[in-house]
ModelCIF file with pLDDT and N, C-alpha, C, O atoms, coordinates in Angstrom:
data_MODEL
#
_entry.id   MODEL 
#
_entity.id                         1 
_entity.type                       polymer 
_entity.pdbx_number_of_molecules   1 
#
_entity_poly.entity_id                      1 
_entity_poly.type                           'polypeptide(L)' 
_entity_poly.nstd_linkage                   no 
_entity_poly.nstd_monomer                   no 
_entity_poly.pdbx_seq_one_letter_code       
;(UNK)(UNK)(UNK)(UNK)(UNK)(UNK)(UNK)(UNK)(UNK)(UNK)(UNK)(UNK)(UNK)(UNK)(UNK)(UNK)
(UNK)(UNK)(UNK)(UNK)(UNK)(UNK)(UNK)(UNK)(UNK)(UNK)(UNK)(UNK)(UNK)(UNK)(UNK)(UNK)
(UNK)(UNK)(UNK)(UNK)(UNK)(UNK)
;
_entity_poly.pdbx_seq_one_letter_code_can   XXXXXXXXXXXXXXXXXXXXXXXXXXXXXXXXXXXXXX 
_entity_poly.pdbx_strand_id                 A 
#
loop_
_entity_poly_seq.entity_id 
_entity_poly_seq.num 
_entity_poly_seq.mon_id 
_entity_poly_seq.hetero 
1 1  UNK n 
1 2  UNK n 
1 3  UNK n 
1 4  UNK n 
1 5  UNK n 
1 6  UNK n 
1 7  UNK n 
1 8  UNK n 
1 9  UNK n 
1 10 UNK n 
1 11 UNK n 
1 12 UNK n 
1 13 UNK n 
1 14 UNK n 
1 15 UNK n 
1 16 UNK n 
1 17 UNK n 
1 18 UNK n 
1 19 UNK n 
1 20 UNK n 
1 21 UNK n 
1 22 UNK n 
1 23 UNK n 
1 24 UNK n 
1 25 UNK n 
1 26 UNK n 
1 27 UNK n 
1 28 UNK n 
1 29 UNK n 
1 30 UNK n 
1 31 UNK n 
1 32 UNK n 
1 33 UNK n 
1 34 UNK n 
1 35 UNK n 
1 36 UNK n 
1 37 UNK n 
1 38 UNK n 
#
_struct_asym.id          A 
_struct_asym.entity_id   1 
#
loop_
_ma_qa_metric.id 
_ma_qa_metric.mode 
_ma_qa_metric.name 
_ma_qa_metric.software_group_id 
_ma_qa_metric.type 
1 global pLDDT . pLDDT 
2 local  pLDDT . pLDDT 
#
_ma_qa_metric_global.metric_id      1 
_ma_qa_metric_global.metric_value   93.18 
_ma_qa_metric_global.model_id       1 
_ma_qa_metric_global.ordinal_id     1 
#
loop_
_ma_qa_metric_local.label_asym_id 
_ma_qa_metric_local.label_comp_id 
_ma_qa_metric_local.label_seq_id 
_ma_qa_metric_local.metric_id 
_ma_qa_metric_local.metric_value 
_ma_qa_metric_local.model_id 
_ma_qa_metric_local.ordinal_id 
A UNK 1  2 93.00 1 1  
A UNK 2  2 92.00 1 2  
A UNK 3  2 90.00 1 3  
A UNK 4  2 88.00 1 4  
A UNK 5  2 89.00 1 5  
A UNK 6  2 90.00 1 6  
A UNK 7  2 88.00 1 7  
A UNK 8  2 86.00 1 8  
A UNK 9  2 88.00 1 9  
A UNK 10 2 88.00 1 10 
A UNK 11 2 86.00 1 11 
A UNK 12 2 88.00 1 12 
A UNK 13 2 90.00 1 13 
A UNK 14 2 90.00 1 14 
A UNK 15 2 93.00 1 15 
A UNK 16 2 97.00 1 16 
A UNK 17 2 96.00 1 17 
A UNK 18 2 96.00 1 18 
A UNK 19 2 95.00 1 19 
A UNK 20 2 96.00 1 20 
A UNK 21 2 96.00 1 21 
A UNK 22 2 95.00 1 22 
A UNK 23 2 95.00 1 23 
A UNK 24 2 95.00 1 24 
A UNK 25 2 96.00 1 25 
A UNK 26 2 94.00 1 26 
A UNK 27 2 95.00 1 27 
A UNK 28 2 97.00 1 28 
A UNK 29 2 96.00 1 29 
A UNK 30 2 95.00 1 30 
A UNK 31 2 96.00 1 31 
A UNK 32 2 96.00 1 32 
A UNK 33 2 96.00 1 33 
A UNK 34 2 96.00 1 34 
A UNK 35 2 96.00 1 35 
A UNK 36 2 96.00 1 36 
A UNK 37 2 96.00 1 37 
A UNK 38 2 96.00 1 38 
#
loop_
_atom_site.group_PDB 
_atom_site.id 
_atom_site.type_symbol 
_atom_site.label_atom_id 
_atom_site.label_alt_id 
_atom_site.label_comp_id 
_atom_site.label_asym_id 
_atom_site.label_entity_id 
_atom_site.label_seq_id 
_atom_site.pdbx_PDB_ins_code 
_atom_site.Cartn_x 
_atom_site.Cartn_y 
_atom_site.Cartn_z 
_atom_site.occupancy 
_atom_site.B_iso_or_equiv 
_atom_site.pdbx_formal_charge 
_atom_site.auth_seq_id 
_atom_site.auth_comp_id 
_atom_site.auth_asym_id 
_atom_site.auth_atom_id 
_atom_site.pdbx_PDB_model_num 
ATOM 1   N N  . UNK A 1 1  ? -167.747 39.320 -84.325 1.00 93.00 ? 1  UNK A N  1 
ATOM 2   C CA . UNK A 1 1  ? -166.969 38.110 -84.557 1.00 93.00 ? 1  UNK A CA 1 
ATOM 3   C C  . UNK A 1 1  ? -165.637 38.428 -85.222 1.00 93.00 ? 1  UNK A C  1 
ATOM 4   O O  . UNK A 1 1  ? -165.507 39.397 -85.971 1.00 93.00 ? 1  UNK A O  1 
ATOM 5   N N  . UNK A 1 2  ? -164.650 37.585 -84.927 1.00 92.00 ? 2  UNK A N  1 
ATOM 6   C CA . UNK A 1 2  ? -163.352 37.734 -85.596 1.00 92.00 ? 2  UNK A CA 1 
ATOM 7   C C  . UNK A 1 2  ? -163.393 36.985 -86.927 1.00 92.00 ? 2  UNK A C  1 
ATOM 8   O O  . UNK A 1 2  ? -164.395 36.344 -87.247 1.00 92.00 ? 2  UNK A O  1 
ATOM 9   N N  . UNK A 1 3  ? -162.321 37.061 -87.695 1.00 90.00 ? 3  UNK A N  1 
ATOM 10  C CA . UNK A 1 3  ? -162.284 36.439 -89.023 1.00 90.00 ? 3  UNK A CA 1 
ATOM 11  C C  . UNK A 1 3  ? -162.500 34.926 -88.956 1.00 90.00 ? 3  UNK A C  1 
ATOM 12  O O  . UNK A 1 3  ? -163.182 34.357 -89.808 1.00 90.00 ? 3  UNK A O  1 
ATOM 13  N N  . UNK A 1 4  ? -161.928 34.285 -87.955 1.00 88.00 ? 4  UNK A N  1 
ATOM 14  C CA . UNK A 1 4  ? -162.069 32.836 -87.796 1.00 88.00 ? 4  UNK A CA 1 
ATOM 15  C C  . UNK A 1 4  ? -163.538 32.464 -87.570 1.00 88.00 ? 4  UNK A C  1 
ATOM 16  O O  . UNK A 1 4  ? -164.044 31.532 -88.196 1.00 88.00 ? 4  UNK A O  1 
ATOM 17  N N  . UNK A 1 5  ? -164.214 33.179 -86.691 1.00 89.00 ? 5  UNK A N  1 
ATOM 18  C CA . UNK A 1 5  ? -165.634 32.913 -86.431 1.00 89.00 ? 5  UNK A CA 1 
ATOM 19  C C  . UNK A 1 5  ? -166.468 33.169 -87.683 1.00 89.00 ? 5  UNK A C  1 
ATOM 20  O O  . UNK A 1 5  ? -167.356 32.384 -88.018 1.00 89.00 ? 5  UNK A O  1 
ATOM 21  N N  . UNK A 1 6  ? -166.177 34.272 -88.372 1.00 90.00 ? 6  UNK A N  1 
ATOM 22  C CA . UNK A 1 6  ? -166.913 34.596 -89.599 1.00 90.00 ? 6  UNK A CA 1 
ATOM 23  C C  . UNK A 1 6  ? -166.750 33.489 -90.635 1.00 90.00 ? 6  UNK A C  1 
ATOM 24  O O  . UNK A 1 6  ? -167.729 33.078 -91.258 1.00 90.00 ? 6  UNK A O  1 
ATOM 25  N N  . UNK A 1 7  ? -165.536 33.006 -90.823 1.00 88.00 ? 7  UNK A N  1 
ATOM 26  C CA . UNK A 1 7  ? -165.270 31.981 -91.827 1.00 88.00 ? 7  UNK A CA 1 
ATOM 27  C C  . UNK A 1 7  ? -165.975 30.660 -91.515 1.00 88.00 ? 7  UNK A C  1 
ATOM 28  O O  . UNK A 1 7  ? -166.295 29.894 -92.424 1.00 88.00 ? 7  UNK A O  1 
ATOM 29  N N  . UNK A 1 8  ? -166.212 30.401 -90.254 1.00 86.00 ? 8  UNK A N  1 
ATOM 30  C CA . UNK A 1 8  ? -166.879 29.164 -89.863 1.00 86.00 ? 8  UNK A CA 1 
ATOM 31  C C  . UNK A 1 8  ? -168.380 29.308 -89.746 1.00 86.00 ? 8  UNK A C  1 
ATOM 32  O O  . UNK A 1 8  ? -169.054 28.391 -89.276 1.00 86.00 ? 8  UNK A O  1 
ATOM 33  N N  . UNK A 1 9  ? -168.911 30.435 -90.163 1.00 88.00 ? 9  UNK A N  1 
ATOM 34  C CA . UNK A 1 9  ? -170.351 30.659 -90.109 1.00 88.00 ? 9  UNK A CA 1 
ATOM 35  C C  . UNK A 1 9  ? -170.872 31.042 -91.498 1.00 88.00 ? 9  UNK A C  1 
ATOM 36  O O  . UNK A 1 9  ? -171.671 31.967 -91.647 1.00 88.00 ? 9  UNK A O  1 
ATOM 37  N N  . UNK A 1 10 ? -170.401 30.310 -92.506 1.00 88.00 ? 10 UNK A N  1 
ATOM 38  C CA . UNK A 1 10 ? -170.836 30.569 -93.882 1.00 88.00 ? 10 UNK A CA 1 
ATOM 39  C C  . UNK A 1 10 ? -171.697 29.416 -94.370 1.00 88.00 ? 10 UNK A C  1 
ATOM 40  O O  . UNK A 1 10 ? -171.525 28.278 -93.935 1.00 88.00 ? 10 UNK A O  1 
ATOM 41  N N  . UNK A 1 11 ? -172.614 29.708 -95.266 1.00 86.00 ? 11 UNK A N  1 
ATOM 42  C CA . UNK A 1 11 ? -173.503 28.680 -95.804 1.00 86.00 ? 11 UNK A CA 1 
ATOM 43  C C  . UNK A 1 11 ? -172.767 27.584 -96.566 1.00 86.00 ? 11 UNK A C  1 
ATOM 44  O O  . UNK A 1 11 ? -173.218 26.439 -96.577 1.00 86.00 ? 11 UNK A O  1 
ATOM 45  N N  . UNK A 1 12 ? -171.652 27.908 -97.198 1.00 88.00 ? 12 UNK A N  1 
ATOM 46  C CA . UNK A 1 12 ? -170.970 26.920 -98.034 1.00 88.00 ? 12 UNK A CA 1 
ATOM 47  C C  . UNK A 1 12 ? -169.985 26.034 -97.260 1.00 88.00 ? 12 UNK A C  1 
ATOM 48  O O  . UNK A 1 12 ? -169.283 25.228 -97.872 1.00 88.00 ? 12 UNK A O  1 
ATOM 49  N N  . UNK A 1 13 ? -169.919 26.162 -95.954 1.00 90.00 ? 13 UNK A N  1 
ATOM 50  C CA . UNK A 1 13 ? -169.068 25.278 -95.159 1.00 90.00 ? 13 UNK A CA 1 
ATOM 51  C C  . UNK A 1 13 ? -169.630 23.868 -95.151 1.00 90.00 ? 13 UNK A C  1 
ATOM 52  O O  . UNK A 1 13 ? -170.844 23.667 -95.107 1.00 90.00 ? 13 UNK A O  1 
ATOM 53  N N  . UNK A 1 14 ? -168.745 22.911 -95.193 1.00 90.00 ? 14 UNK A N  1 
ATOM 54  C CA . UNK A 1 14 ? -169.140 21.514 -95.039 1.00 90.00 ? 14 UNK A CA 1 
ATOM 55  C C  . UNK A 1 14 ? -169.192 21.228 -93.539 1.00 90.00 ? 14 UNK A C  1 
ATOM 56  O O  . UNK A 1 14 ? -168.265 21.549 -92.796 1.00 90.00 ? 14 UNK A O  1 
ATOM 57  N N  . UNK A 1 15 ? -170.287 20.624 -93.120 1.00 93.00 ? 15 UNK A N  1 
ATOM 58  C CA . UNK A 1 15 ? -170.496 20.312 -91.714 1.00 93.00 ? 15 UNK A CA 1 
ATOM 59  C C  . UNK A 1 15 ? -170.424 18.799 -91.550 1.00 93.00 ? 15 UNK A C  1 
ATOM 60  O O  . UNK A 1 15 ? -171.033 18.059 -92.323 1.00 93.00 ? 15 UNK A O  1 
ATOM 61  N N  . UNK A 1 16 ? -169.689 18.341 -90.554 1.00 97.00 ? 16 UNK A N  1 
ATOM 62  C CA . UNK A 1 16 ? -169.525 16.916 -90.312 1.00 97.00 ? 16 UNK A CA 1 
ATOM 63  C C  . UNK A 1 16 ? -169.884 16.588 -88.870 1.00 97.00 ? 16 UNK A C  1 
ATOM 64  O O  . UNK A 1 16 ? -169.600 17.356 -87.951 1.00 97.00 ? 16 UNK A O  1 
ATOM 65  N N  . UNK A 1 17 ? -170.517 15.428 -88.694 1.00 96.00 ? 17 UNK A N  1 
ATOM 66  C CA . UNK A 1 17 ? -170.837 14.937 -87.363 1.00 96.00 ? 17 UNK A CA 1 
ATOM 67  C C  . UNK A 1 17 ? -169.944 13.741 -87.087 1.00 96.00 ? 17 UNK A C  1 
ATOM 68  O O  . UNK A 1 17 ? -169.855 12.808 -87.885 1.00 96.00 ? 17 UNK A O  1 
ATOM 69  N N  . UNK A 1 18 ? -169.285 13.790 -85.941 1.00 96.00 ? 18 UNK A N  1 
ATOM 70  C CA . UNK A 1 18 ? -168.347 12.755 -85.549 1.00 96.00 ? 18 UNK A CA 1 
ATOM 71  C C  . UNK A 1 18 ? -168.429 12.612 -84.042 1.00 96.00 ? 18 UNK A C  1 
ATOM 72  O O  . UNK A 1 18 ? -168.316 13.592 -83.306 1.00 96.00 ? 18 UNK A O  1 
ATOM 73  N N  . UNK A 1 19 ? -168.625 11.390 -83.592 1.00 95.00 ? 19 UNK A N  1 
ATOM 74  C CA . UNK A 1 19 ? -168.744 11.110 -82.156 1.00 95.00 ? 19 UNK A CA 1 
ATOM 75  C C  . UNK A 1 19 ? -169.803 11.982 -81.489 1.00 95.00 ? 19 UNK A C  1 
ATOM 76  O O  . UNK A 1 19 ? -169.623 12.457 -80.368 1.00 95.00 ? 19 UNK A O  1 
ATOM 77  N N  . UNK A 1 20 ? -170.911 12.182 -82.201 1.00 96.00 ? 20 UNK A N  1 
ATOM 78  C CA . UNK A 1 20 ? -172.041 12.919 -81.651 1.00 96.00 ? 20 UNK A CA 1 
ATOM 79  C C  . UNK A 1 20 ? -171.921 14.429 -81.658 1.00 96.00 ? 20 UNK A C  1 
ATOM 80  O O  . UNK A 1 20 ? -172.779 15.118 -81.107 1.00 96.00 ? 20 UNK A O  1 
ATOM 81  N N  . UNK A 1 21 ? -170.881 14.953 -82.265 1.00 96.00 ? 21 UNK A N  1 
ATOM 82  C CA . UNK A 1 21 ? -170.647 16.397 -82.292 1.00 96.00 ? 21 UNK A CA 1 
ATOM 83  C C  . UNK A 1 21 ? -170.629 16.862 -83.743 1.00 96.00 ? 21 UNK A C  1 
ATOM 84  O O  . UNK A 1 21 ? -170.051 16.190 -84.597 1.00 96.00 ? 21 UNK A O  1 
ATOM 85  N N  . UNK A 1 22 ? -171.252 17.999 -84.035 1.00 95.00 ? 22 UNK A N  1 
ATOM 86  C CA . UNK A 1 22 ? -171.337 18.526 -85.395 1.00 95.00 ? 22 UNK A CA 1 
ATOM 87  C C  . UNK A 1 22 ? -170.629 19.873 -85.479 1.00 95.00 ? 22 UNK A C  1 
ATOM 88  O O  . UNK A 1 22 ? -170.903 20.784 -84.698 1.00 95.00 ? 22 UNK A O  1 
ATOM 89  N N  . UNK A 1 23 ? -169.705 19.984 -86.448 1.00 95.00 ? 23 UNK A N  1 
ATOM 90  C CA . UNK A 1 23 ? -168.985 21.246 -86.655 1.00 95.00 ? 23 UNK A CA 1 
ATOM 91  C C  . UNK A 1 23 ? -168.319 21.247 -88.019 1.00 95.00 ? 23 UNK A C  1 
ATOM 92  O O  . UNK A 1 23 ? -168.346 20.248 -88.738 1.00 95.00 ? 23 UNK A O  1 
ATOM 93  N N  . UNK A 1 24 ? -167.726 22.371 -88.364 1.00 95.00 ? 24 UNK A N  1 
ATOM 94  C CA . UNK A 1 24 ? -167.089 22.506 -89.682 1.00 95.00 ? 24 UNK A CA 1 
ATOM 95  C C  . UNK A 1 24 ? -165.773 21.736 -89.725 1.00 95.00 ? 24 UNK A C  1 
ATOM 96  O O  . UNK A 1 24 ? -165.197 21.385 -88.696 1.00 95.00 ? 24 UNK A O  1 
ATOM 97  N N  . UNK A 1 25 ? -165.316 21.487 -90.958 1.00 96.00 ? 25 UNK A N  1 
ATOM 98  C CA . UNK A 1 25 ? -164.050 20.784 -91.142 1.00 96.00 ? 25 UNK A CA 1 
ATOM 99  C C  . UNK A 1 25 ? -162.898 21.540 -90.491 1.00 96.00 ? 25 UNK A C  1 
ATOM 100 O O  . UNK A 1 25 ? -162.032 20.924 -89.870 1.00 96.00 ? 25 UNK A O  1 
ATOM 101 N N  . UNK A 1 26 ? -162.875 22.840 -90.620 1.00 94.00 ? 26 UNK A N  1 
ATOM 102 C CA . UNK A 1 26 ? -161.809 23.645 -90.019 1.00 94.00 ? 26 UNK A CA 1 
ATOM 103 C C  . UNK A 1 26 ? -161.753 23.453 -88.508 1.00 94.00 ? 26 UNK A C  1 
ATOM 104 O O  . UNK A 1 26 ? -160.678 23.271 -87.938 1.00 94.00 ? 26 UNK A O  1 
ATOM 105 N N  . UNK A 1 27 ? -162.902 23.493 -87.873 1.00 95.00 ? 27 UNK A N  1 
ATOM 106 C CA . UNK A 1 27 ? -162.932 23.328 -86.420 1.00 95.00 ? 27 UNK A CA 1 
ATOM 107 C C  . UNK A 1 27 ? -162.506 21.913 -86.036 1.00 95.00 ? 27 UNK A C  1 
ATOM 108 O O  . UNK A 1 27 ? -161.768 21.730 -85.067 1.00 95.00 ? 27 UNK A O  1 
ATOM 109 N N  . UNK A 1 28 ? -162.966 20.906 -86.793 1.00 97.00 ? 28 UNK A N  1 
ATOM 110 C CA . UNK A 1 28 ? -162.534 19.535 -86.503 1.00 97.00 ? 28 UNK A CA 1 
ATOM 111 C C  . UNK A 1 28 ? -161.020 19.427 -86.597 1.00 97.00 ? 28 UNK A C  1 
ATOM 112 O O  . UNK A 1 28 ? -160.386 18.852 -85.713 1.00 97.00 ? 28 UNK A O  1 
ATOM 113 N N  . UNK A 1 29 ? -160.433 19.972 -87.655 1.00 96.00 ? 29 UNK A N  1 
ATOM 114 C CA . UNK A 1 29 ? -158.986 19.860 -87.842 1.00 96.00 ? 29 UNK A CA 1 
ATOM 115 C C  . UNK A 1 29 ? -158.225 20.542 -86.715 1.00 96.00 ? 29 UNK A C  1 
ATOM 116 O O  . UNK A 1 29 ? -157.213 20.020 -86.247 1.00 96.00 ? 29 UNK A O  1 
ATOM 117 N N  . UNK A 1 30 ? -158.695 21.685 -86.281 1.00 95.00 ? 30 UNK A N  1 
ATOM 118 C CA . UNK A 1 30 ? -158.043 22.359 -85.152 1.00 95.00 ? 30 UNK A CA 1 
ATOM 119 C C  . UNK A 1 30 ? -158.186 21.546 -83.873 1.00 95.00 ? 30 UNK A C  1 
ATOM 120 O O  . UNK A 1 30 ? -157.225 21.365 -83.125 1.00 95.00 ? 30 UNK A O  1 
ATOM 121 N N  . UNK A 1 31 ? -159.394 21.061 -83.635 1.00 96.00 ? 31 UNK A N  1 
ATOM 122 C CA . UNK A 1 31 ? -159.661 20.313 -82.408 1.00 96.00 ? 31 UNK A CA 1 
ATOM 123 C C  . UNK A 1 31 ? -158.868 19.010 -82.353 1.00 96.00 ? 31 UNK A C  1 
ATOM 124 O O  . UNK A 1 31 ? -158.388 18.624 -81.287 1.00 96.00 ? 31 UNK A O  1 
ATOM 125 N N  . UNK A 1 32 ? -158.728 18.331 -83.486 1.00 96.00 ? 32 UNK A N  1 
ATOM 126 C CA . UNK A 1 32 ? -158.029 17.045 -83.533 1.00 96.00 ? 32 UNK A CA 1 
ATOM 127 C C  . UNK A 1 32 ? -156.551 17.189 -83.894 1.00 96.00 ? 32 UNK A C  1 
ATOM 128 O O  . UNK A 1 32 ? -155.834 16.195 -84.005 1.00 96.00 ? 32 UNK A O  1 
ATOM 129 N N  . UNK A 1 33 ? -156.105 18.420 -84.075 1.00 96.00 ? 33 UNK A N  1 
ATOM 130 C CA . UNK A 1 33 ? -154.717 18.720 -84.426 1.00 96.00 ? 33 UNK A CA 1 
ATOM 131 C C  . UNK A 1 33 ? -154.292 17.980 -85.700 1.00 96.00 ? 33 UNK A C  1 
ATOM 132 O O  . UNK A 1 33 ? -153.265 17.303 -85.738 1.00 96.00 ? 33 UNK A O  1 
ATOM 133 N N  . UNK A 1 34 ? -155.117 18.133 -86.739 1.00 96.00 ? 34 UNK A N  1 
ATOM 134 C CA . UNK A 1 34 ? -154.863 17.488 -88.023 1.00 96.00 ? 34 UNK A CA 1 
ATOM 135 C C  . UNK A 1 34 ? -154.700 18.547 -89.115 1.00 96.00 ? 34 UNK A C  1 
ATOM 136 O O  . UNK A 1 34 ? -155.333 19.601 -89.047 1.00 96.00 ? 34 UNK A O  1 
ATOM 137 N N  . UNK A 1 35 ? -153.864 18.284 -90.118 1.00 96.00 ? 35 UNK A N  1 
ATOM 138 C CA . UNK A 1 35 ? -153.700 19.249 -91.204 1.00 96.00 ? 35 UNK A CA 1 
ATOM 139 C C  . UNK A 1 35 ? -154.951 19.293 -92.095 1.00 96.00 ? 35 UNK A C  1 
ATOM 140 O O  . UNK A 1 35 ? -155.382 18.275 -92.637 1.00 96.00 ? 35 UNK A O  1 
ATOM 141 N N  . UNK A 1 36 ? -155.513 20.483 -92.227 1.00 96.00 ? 36 UNK A N  1 
ATOM 142 C CA . UNK A 1 36 ? -156.735 20.674 -93.005 1.00 96.00 ? 36 UNK A CA 1 
ATOM 143 C C  . UNK A 1 36 ? -156.583 20.118 -94.415 1.00 96.00 ? 36 UNK A C  1 
ATOM 144 O O  . UNK A 1 36 ? -157.477 19.426 -94.901 1.00 96.00 ? 36 UNK A O  1 
ATOM 145 N N  . UNK A 1 37 ? -155.467 20.407 -95.082 1.00 96.00 ? 37 UNK A N  1 
ATOM 146 C CA . UNK A 1 37 ? -155.292 19.993 -96.479 1.00 96.00 ? 37 UNK A CA 1 
ATOM 147 C C  . UNK A 1 37 ? -155.321 18.473 -96.624 1.00 96.00 ? 37 UNK A C  1 
ATOM 148 O O  . UNK A 1 37 ? -155.866 17.961 -97.603 1.00 96.00 ? 37 UNK A O  1 
ATOM 149 N N  . UNK A 1 38 ? -154.758 17.758 -95.687 1.00 96.00 ? 38 UNK A N  1 
ATOM 150 C CA . UNK A 1 38 ? -154.757 16.294 -95.738 1.00 96.00 ? 38 UNK A CA 1 
ATOM 151 C C  . UNK A 1 38 ? -156.168 15.746 -95.588 1.00 96.00 ? 38 UNK A C  1 
ATOM 152 O O  . UNK A 1 38 ? -156.364 14.531 -95.606 1.00 96.00 ? 38 UNK A O  1 
#
């Protein structure tokens, strides 16, 4: 895995379900083109 994959596969990640899909906040922000910090 690359660094991005490793970072999204940690126990301390917050996982969110939205519209029937579950993933980390980082992945949601990338997918929805939203600033992570906001």
